[in-house]
């Protein structure tokens, strides 16, 4: 899998967030998009995921052949602090719902996800009763263990305590291989394993 950004720029109203960004992402590498708050990290992740269109430039997705941008959602797992869970579901129901759209990584089952998440005893509890840290574990487990070649994580340790951060790092280390992994963050603990850094501030207008 390869993602090519060609002269990508984005503006909101009259303000340019970033301009003329040309960059390639390829399977087998882990990337960090860095920059201070408000620099455009989340915006760029949304463009890569197909949620937003660039104001200028283009995004090209290819595997054995070019993938239409309208269909890229099937190849992407994406989570961020601003993405909401469906609070009326319990954990088991939410996993069943999520994996009706995505496949679980080969060799894993939904029961495995419960064990890996550390939330087995809460499987029948409504998500509205979960703490922010527990909800973040649910978001990460569904994103990282979905069978997609592109994994996008925005501020992945938000709301996690020290044990939760260690859990995330172990999880990503185990499941990052042979994918395009892109972390949006300004906290080194979230992306220290990444072998390529893209500083979004270099593309400010």
Protein backbone atom coordinates (compact mmCIF):
# COMPACT_ATOMS: atom_id res chain seq x y z
CA UNK A 1 0.00 0.00 0.00
CA UNK A 2 1.20 3.51 -0.80
CA UNK A 3 -0.29 6.95 -0.13
CA UNK A 4 1.06 9.87 -2.16
CA UNK A 5 0.36 13.45 -1.15
CA UNK A 6 1.04 15.78 -4.06
CA UNK A 7 1.17 19.52 -3.31
CA UNK A 8 -1.58 19.15 -0.72
CA UNK A 9 -2.83 22.36 0.89
CA UNK A 10 -5.77 23.04 3.19
CA UNK A 11 -7.48 26.21 4.25
CA UNK A 12 -10.52 27.09 6.31
CA UNK A 13 -12.15 30.28 5.15
CA UNK A 14 -9.17 32.54 4.36
CA UNK A 15 -6.63 30.87 6.64
CA UNK A 16 -4.19 28.35 5.19
CA UNK A 17 -3.47 25.55 7.64
CA UNK A 18 -0.62 24.12 5.57
CA UNK A 19 0.52 24.43 1.96
CA UNK A 20 2.36 22.49 -0.74
CA UNK A 21 2.80 19.28 1.24
CA UNK A 22 4.31 16.54 -0.92
CA UNK A 23 5.03 13.30 0.91
CA UNK A 24 4.76 9.52 0.46
CA UNK A 25 3.62 6.94 3.02
CA UNK A 26 4.42 3.27 2.39
CA UNK A 27 3.56 -0.03 4.06
CA UNK A 28 6.04 -1.29 6.60
CA UNK A 29 6.83 2.17 7.96
CA UNK A 30 5.53 4.02 10.99
CA UNK A 31 5.16 7.78 10.66
CA UNK A 32 4.65 10.57 13.19
CA UNK A 33 2.98 13.83 12.18
CA UNK A 34 4.24 16.35 14.73
CA UNK A 35 3.64 20.01 15.50
CA UNK A 36 2.15 22.18 18.21
CA UNK A 37 -1.58 22.23 18.95
CA UNK A 38 -3.51 23.82 16.11
CA UNK A 39 -0.78 23.20 13.55
CA UNK A 40 -2.93 20.94 11.36
CA UNK A 41 -2.06 17.40 12.48
CA UNK A 42 -5.68 16.31 12.85
CA UNK A 43 -6.67 18.04 9.63
CA UNK A 44 -3.97 16.18 7.71
CA UNK A 45 -5.03 12.85 9.22
CA UNK A 46 -8.61 13.54 8.13
CA UNK A 47 -7.42 14.29 4.61
CA UNK A 48 -5.37 11.08 4.51
CA UNK A 49 -8.38 9.10 5.77
CA UNK A 50 -10.66 10.60 3.12
CA UNK A 51 -12.86 12.47 5.61
CA UNK A 52 -11.74 15.86 4.25
CA UNK A 53 -10.71 16.94 0.78
CA UNK A 54 -7.63 19.09 0.28
CA UNK A 55 -8.19 22.68 -0.86
CA UNK A 56 -5.40 22.15 -3.37
CA UNK A 57 -3.37 19.17 -4.49
CA UNK A 58 -4.24 15.48 -4.53
CA UNK A 59 -4.04 12.27 -2.51
CA UNK A 60 -3.34 9.05 -4.42
CA UNK A 61 -3.87 5.62 -2.87
CA UNK A 62 -2.44 2.54 -4.54
CA UNK A 63 -1.88 -1.13 -3.84
CA UNK A 64 -1.74 -3.43 -6.85
CA UNK A 65 -3.81 -0.71 -8.53
CA UNK A 66 -5.07 2.81 -7.84
CA UNK A 67 -7.82 2.92 -5.20
CA UNK A 68 -10.63 5.41 -5.67
CA UNK A 69 -10.57 7.97 -2.84
CA UNK A 70 -14.30 7.43 -2.31
CA UNK A 71 -13.60 3.80 -1.35
CA UNK A 72 -10.53 4.33 0.82
CA UNK A 73 -12.60 4.08 4.03
CA UNK A 74 -12.53 0.29 3.64
CA UNK A 75 -8.72 0.34 3.90
CA UNK A 76 -8.46 2.69 6.89
CA UNK A 77 -8.79 2.42 10.66
CA UNK A 78 -8.86 5.79 12.39
CA UNK A 79 -9.40 6.93 15.94
CA UNK A 80 -9.07 10.22 17.78
CA UNK A 81 -10.21 11.81 21.07
CA UNK A 82 -13.02 13.66 19.28
CA UNK A 83 -14.55 10.47 17.86
CA UNK A 84 -17.51 9.37 19.96
CA UNK A 85 -18.55 5.84 20.83
CA UNK A 86 -22.19 4.71 20.78
CA UNK A 87 -22.91 4.98 24.49
CA UNK A 88 -26.18 3.05 24.36
CA UNK A 89 -24.31 -0.13 23.41
CA UNK A 90 -22.56 -2.36 25.90
CA UNK A 91 -19.00 -3.38 25.06
CA UNK A 92 -19.94 -6.69 23.44
CA UNK A 93 -22.60 -5.02 21.31
CA UNK A 94 -20.21 -2.27 20.26
CA UNK A 95 -17.56 -4.75 19.14
CA UNK A 96 -20.16 -6.71 17.18
CA UNK A 97 -21.36 -3.48 15.56
CA UNK A 98 -17.86 -2.28 14.67
CA UNK A 99 -16.79 -5.61 13.22
CA UNK A 100 -19.89 -5.83 11.08
CA UNK A 101 -18.11 -3.15 8.98
CA UNK A 102 -14.48 -4.18 9.47
CA UNK A 103 -12.80 -7.57 9.71
CA UNK A 104 -10.81 -8.54 12.79
CA UNK A 105 -7.11 -9.07 12.10
CA UNK A 106 -6.41 -12.58 10.90
CA UNK A 107 -5.92 -15.01 13.77
CA UNK A 108 -7.90 -12.90 16.24
CA UNK A 109 -11.53 -13.00 17.38
CA UNK A 110 -13.83 -10.59 19.18
CA UNK A 111 -13.28 -12.59 22.36
CA UNK A 112 -9.53 -12.07 21.92
CA UNK A 113 -10.18 -8.34 21.76
CA UNK A 114 -11.96 -8.40 25.09
CA UNK A 115 -8.99 -10.16 26.66
CA UNK A 116 -6.41 -7.91 25.04
CA UNK A 117 -8.30 -4.77 26.05
CA UNK A 118 -8.33 -5.82 29.71
CA UNK A 119 -12.06 -5.03 29.82
CA UNK A 120 -13.50 -8.58 29.91
CA UNK A 121 -15.40 -8.04 33.16
CA UNK A 122 -17.09 -4.99 31.66
CA UNK A 123 -18.28 -6.74 28.51
CA UNK A 124 -21.97 -6.40 29.38
CA UNK A 125 -21.77 -2.86 30.78
CA UNK A 126 -23.08 0.13 28.86
CA UNK A 127 -20.33 2.27 27.36
CA UNK A 128 -21.94 5.32 28.97
CA UNK A 129 -20.69 4.00 32.32
CA UNK A 130 -17.08 3.69 31.10
CA UNK A 131 -14.39 6.09 32.24
CA UNK A 132 -12.58 8.17 29.61
CA UNK A 133 -9.58 5.84 29.87
CA UNK A 134 -11.73 2.74 29.32
CA UNK A 135 -13.35 4.37 26.28
CA UNK A 136 -9.92 5.15 24.88
CA UNK A 137 -8.98 1.48 25.21
CA UNK A 138 -12.11 0.55 23.26
CA UNK A 139 -11.22 3.03 20.51
CA UNK A 140 -7.65 1.78 20.26
CA UNK A 141 -8.50 -1.90 20.32
CA UNK A 142 -11.08 -1.55 17.53
CA UNK A 143 -8.73 0.55 15.40
CA UNK A 144 -5.50 -1.37 15.86
CA UNK A 145 -7.05 -4.85 15.55
CA UNK A 146 -9.15 -4.08 12.50
CA UNK A 147 -7.78 -5.76 9.38
CA UNK A 148 -6.82 -2.63 7.44
CA UNK A 149 -3.53 -1.71 5.74
CA UNK A 150 -3.75 1.92 6.93
CA UNK A 151 -3.84 2.76 10.65
CA UNK A 152 -4.28 6.39 11.72
CA UNK A 153 -4.12 7.34 15.40
CA UNK A 154 -4.60 10.92 16.59
CA UNK A 155 -3.27 11.55 20.13
CA UNK A 156 -3.60 7.84 20.99
CA UNK A 157 -2.74 8.07 24.71
CA UNK A 158 -5.35 10.71 25.51
CA UNK A 159 -7.05 9.84 28.82
CA UNK A 160 -4.76 6.85 29.45
CA UNK A 161 -2.90 6.45 32.75
CA UNK A 162 0.66 5.13 32.99
CA UNK A 163 -0.47 1.51 32.74
CA UNK A 164 -2.67 2.41 29.77
CA UNK A 165 0.22 4.07 27.94
CA UNK A 166 2.38 0.97 28.43
CA UNK A 167 -0.52 -1.18 27.17
CA UNK A 168 -0.87 1.00 24.03
CA UNK A 169 2.85 0.84 23.26
CA UNK A 170 2.88 -2.95 23.58
CA UNK A 171 -0.23 -3.24 21.41
CA UNK A 172 1.06 -1.01 18.62
CA UNK A 173 4.44 -2.72 18.63
CA UNK A 174 2.77 -6.08 18.09
CA UNK A 175 0.39 -5.01 15.32
CA UNK A 176 2.15 -2.25 13.37
CA UNK A 177 4.13 -4.42 10.96
CA UNK A 178 3.26 -4.52 7.24
CA UNK A 179 0.90 -1.55 7.55
CA UNK A 180 1.07 2.18 7.06
CA UNK A 181 0.92 3.50 10.63
CA UNK A 182 0.55 7.26 11.09
CA UNK A 183 0.47 8.88 14.54
CA UNK A 184 -0.62 12.49 15.00
CA UNK A 185 1.01 13.75 18.16
CA UNK A 186 3.24 16.28 19.88
CA UNK A 187 4.10 13.85 22.69
CA UNK A 188 7.15 11.71 21.99
CA UNK A 189 5.91 8.86 24.18
CA UNK A 190 3.13 8.26 21.65
CA UNK A 191 5.36 7.95 18.60
CA UNK A 192 8.93 7.13 19.71
CA UNK A 193 8.76 3.86 17.72
CA UNK A 194 8.10 5.74 14.45
CA UNK A 195 10.97 5.65 12.00
CA UNK A 196 9.88 8.69 9.94
CA UNK A 197 8.83 12.11 11.26
CA UNK A 198 6.75 14.65 9.32
CA UNK A 199 6.81 18.07 11.00
CA UNK A 200 3.64 19.78 9.77
CA UNK A 201 4.96 23.21 10.80
CA UNK A 202 7.41 23.07 7.89
CA UNK A 203 4.41 23.51 5.58
CA UNK A 204 2.82 26.54 7.20
CA UNK A 205 2.05 29.34 4.76
